[in-house]
Amino acid sequence: MEFLQDLWNFMKTRKKWWLLPMILVLLILGLLLIFAESSALGSFIYTLF
């Protein structure tokens, strides 16, 4: 949790707001891959990529 707070403070202080969409996309893709491995819908999700 401290990492997220440090990242937020870095973006706020240095005005690096362009990093936020990239971080969100990476998190969503990571969660999608984790979900695909643990469910029966994995074969359908893999066809998207």
N, C-alpha and C. Protein backbone atom coordinates (compact mmCIF):
# COMPACT_ATOMS: atom_id res chain seq x y z
N MET A 1 0.82 -1.19 0.00
CA MET A 1 0.00 0.00 0.00
C MET A 1 0.87 1.26 0.00
N GLU A 2 2.03 1.16 0.62
CA GLU A 2 2.94 2.31 0.66
C GLU A 2 3.44 2.66 -0.75
N PHE A 3 3.60 1.64 -1.59
CA PHE A 3 4.05 1.87 -2.96
C PHE A 3 3.04 2.73 -3.72
N LEU A 4 1.76 2.43 -3.56
CA LEU A 4 0.73 3.21 -4.25
C LEU A 4 0.70 4.65 -3.75
N GLN A 5 0.89 4.83 -2.47
CA GLN A 5 0.93 6.19 -1.91
C GLN A 5 2.14 6.95 -2.44
N ASP A 6 3.29 6.29 -2.51
CA ASP A 6 4.48 6.93 -3.06
C ASP A 6 4.30 7.28 -4.53
N LEU A 7 3.68 6.37 -5.28
CA LEU A 7 3.42 6.63 -6.69
C LEU A 7 2.49 7.81 -6.88
N TRP A 8 1.44 7.87 -6.07
CA TRP A 8 0.49 8.98 -6.14
C TRP A 8 1.18 10.31 -5.80
N ASN A 9 2.00 10.31 -4.75
CA ASN A 9 2.71 11.54 -4.37
C ASN A 9 3.70 11.96 -5.46
N PHE A 10 4.34 11.00 -6.11
CA PHE A 10 5.26 11.32 -7.20
C PHE A 10 4.52 11.99 -8.35
N MET A 11 3.37 11.40 -8.74
CA MET A 11 2.62 11.97 -9.85
C MET A 11 2.06 13.35 -9.50
N LYS A 12 1.66 13.52 -8.25
CA LYS A 12 1.09 14.80 -7.84
C LYS A 12 2.15 15.89 -7.78
N THR A 13 3.32 15.56 -7.25
CA THR A 13 4.37 16.58 -7.11
C THR A 13 5.01 16.95 -8.44
N ARG A 14 5.27 15.95 -9.26
CA ARG A 14 5.97 16.21 -10.51
C ARG A 14 5.04 16.47 -11.68
N LYS A 15 3.73 16.46 -11.43
CA LYS A 15 2.72 16.72 -12.47
C LYS A 15 2.84 15.73 -13.63
N LYS A 16 2.98 14.47 -13.32
CA LYS A 16 3.11 13.40 -14.31
C LYS A 16 1.78 12.67 -14.47
N TRP A 17 0.73 13.41 -14.78
CA TRP A 17 -0.60 12.81 -14.87
C TRP A 17 -0.75 11.88 -16.07
N TRP A 18 0.15 11.96 -17.04
CA TRP A 18 0.08 11.08 -18.19
C TRP A 18 0.41 9.64 -17.81
N LEU A 19 1.01 9.42 -16.64
CA LEU A 19 1.31 8.07 -16.20
C LEU A 19 0.06 7.31 -15.74
N LEU A 20 -0.93 8.04 -15.28
CA LEU A 20 -2.12 7.41 -14.71
C LEU A 20 -2.85 6.50 -15.70
N PRO A 21 -3.14 6.92 -16.93
CA PRO A 21 -3.82 6.00 -17.85
C PRO A 21 -3.01 4.74 -18.16
N MET A 22 -1.69 4.89 -18.28
CA MET A 22 -0.86 3.72 -18.57
C MET A 22 -0.88 2.74 -17.40
N ILE A 23 -0.82 3.24 -16.18
CA ILE A 23 -0.85 2.37 -15.01
C ILE A 23 -2.19 1.67 -14.91
N LEU A 24 -3.27 2.38 -15.17
CA LEU A 24 -4.60 1.78 -15.11
C LEU A 24 -4.77 0.69 -16.16
N VAL A 25 -4.29 0.92 -17.37
CA VAL A 25 -4.40 -0.09 -18.42
C VAL A 25 -3.60 -1.34 -18.04
N LEU A 26 -2.41 -1.16 -17.49
CA LEU A 26 -1.61 -2.31 -17.08
C LEU A 26 -2.29 -3.09 -15.95
N LEU A 27 -2.89 -2.39 -15.01
CA LEU A 27 -3.61 -3.06 -13.93
C LEU A 27 -4.82 -3.83 -14.44
N ILE A 28 -5.56 -3.23 -15.36
CA ILE A 28 -6.74 -3.91 -15.90
C ILE A 28 -6.33 -5.15 -16.70
N LEU A 29 -5.28 -5.05 -17.49
CA LEU A 29 -4.81 -6.22 -18.24
C LEU A 29 -4.32 -7.31 -17.30
N GLY A 30 -3.63 -6.93 -16.24
CA GLY A 30 -3.17 -7.92 -15.26
C GLY A 30 -4.32 -8.62 -14.58
N LEU A 31 -5.34 -7.85 -14.18
CA LEU A 31 -6.51 -8.46 -13.55
C LEU A 31 -7.27 -9.35 -14.52
N LEU A 32 -7.33 -8.95 -15.77
CA LEU A 32 -8.00 -9.76 -16.78
C LEU A 32 -7.28 -11.09 -16.98
N LEU A 33 -5.96 -11.06 -17.00
CA LEU A 33 -5.21 -12.30 -17.15
C LEU A 33 -5.34 -13.21 -15.93
N ILE A 34 -5.36 -12.63 -14.75
CA ILE A 34 -5.55 -13.42 -13.53
C ILE A 34 -6.94 -14.04 -13.53
N PHE A 35 -7.94 -13.27 -13.94
CA PHE A 35 -9.30 -13.80 -14.01
C PHE A 35 -9.42 -14.89 -15.05
N ALA A 36 -8.71 -14.75 -16.15
CA ALA A 36 -8.79 -15.73 -17.24
C ALA A 36 -8.19 -17.07 -16.83
N GLU A 37 -7.17 -17.05 -16.00
CA GLU A 37 -6.55 -18.29 -15.57
C GLU A 37 -7.43 -19.08 -14.61
N SER A 38 -8.23 -18.38 -13.83
CA SER A 38 -8.96 -19.06 -12.76
C SER A 38 -10.42 -19.32 -13.09
N SER A 39 -10.83 -19.10 -14.32
CA SER A 39 -12.24 -19.31 -14.63
C SER A 39 -12.39 -20.11 -15.91
N ALA A 40 -13.61 -20.56 -16.14
CA ALA A 40 -13.91 -21.30 -17.37
C ALA A 40 -14.02 -20.38 -18.56
N LEU A 41 -14.13 -19.08 -18.34
CA LEU A 41 -14.23 -18.11 -19.43
C LEU A 41 -12.87 -17.76 -20.02
N GLY A 42 -11.83 -18.39 -19.54
CA GLY A 42 -10.48 -18.08 -19.99
C GLY A 42 -10.28 -18.25 -21.47
N SER A 43 -10.88 -19.28 -22.05
CA SER A 43 -10.69 -19.50 -23.49
C SER A 43 -11.32 -18.38 -24.31
N PHE A 44 -12.41 -17.81 -23.81
CA PHE A 44 -13.05 -16.71 -24.53
C PHE A 44 -12.26 -15.40 -24.39
N ILE A 45 -11.65 -15.21 -23.24
CA ILE A 45 -10.88 -13.99 -23.03
C ILE A 45 -9.60 -14.03 -23.85
N TYR A 46 -8.99 -15.21 -23.97
CA TYR A 46 -7.75 -15.32 -24.73
C TYR A 46 -7.96 -15.04 -26.23
N THR A 47 -9.18 -15.24 -26.71
CA THR A 47 -9.42 -14.93 -28.12
C THR A 47 -9.39 -13.43 -28.39
N LEU A 48 -9.55 -12.62 -27.36
CA LEU A 48 -9.47 -11.16 -27.54
C LEU A 48 -8.05 -10.74 -27.87
N PHE A 49 -7.09 -11.47 -27.41
CA PHE A 49 -5.70 -11.10 -27.63
C PHE A 49 -5.12 -11.95 -28.73
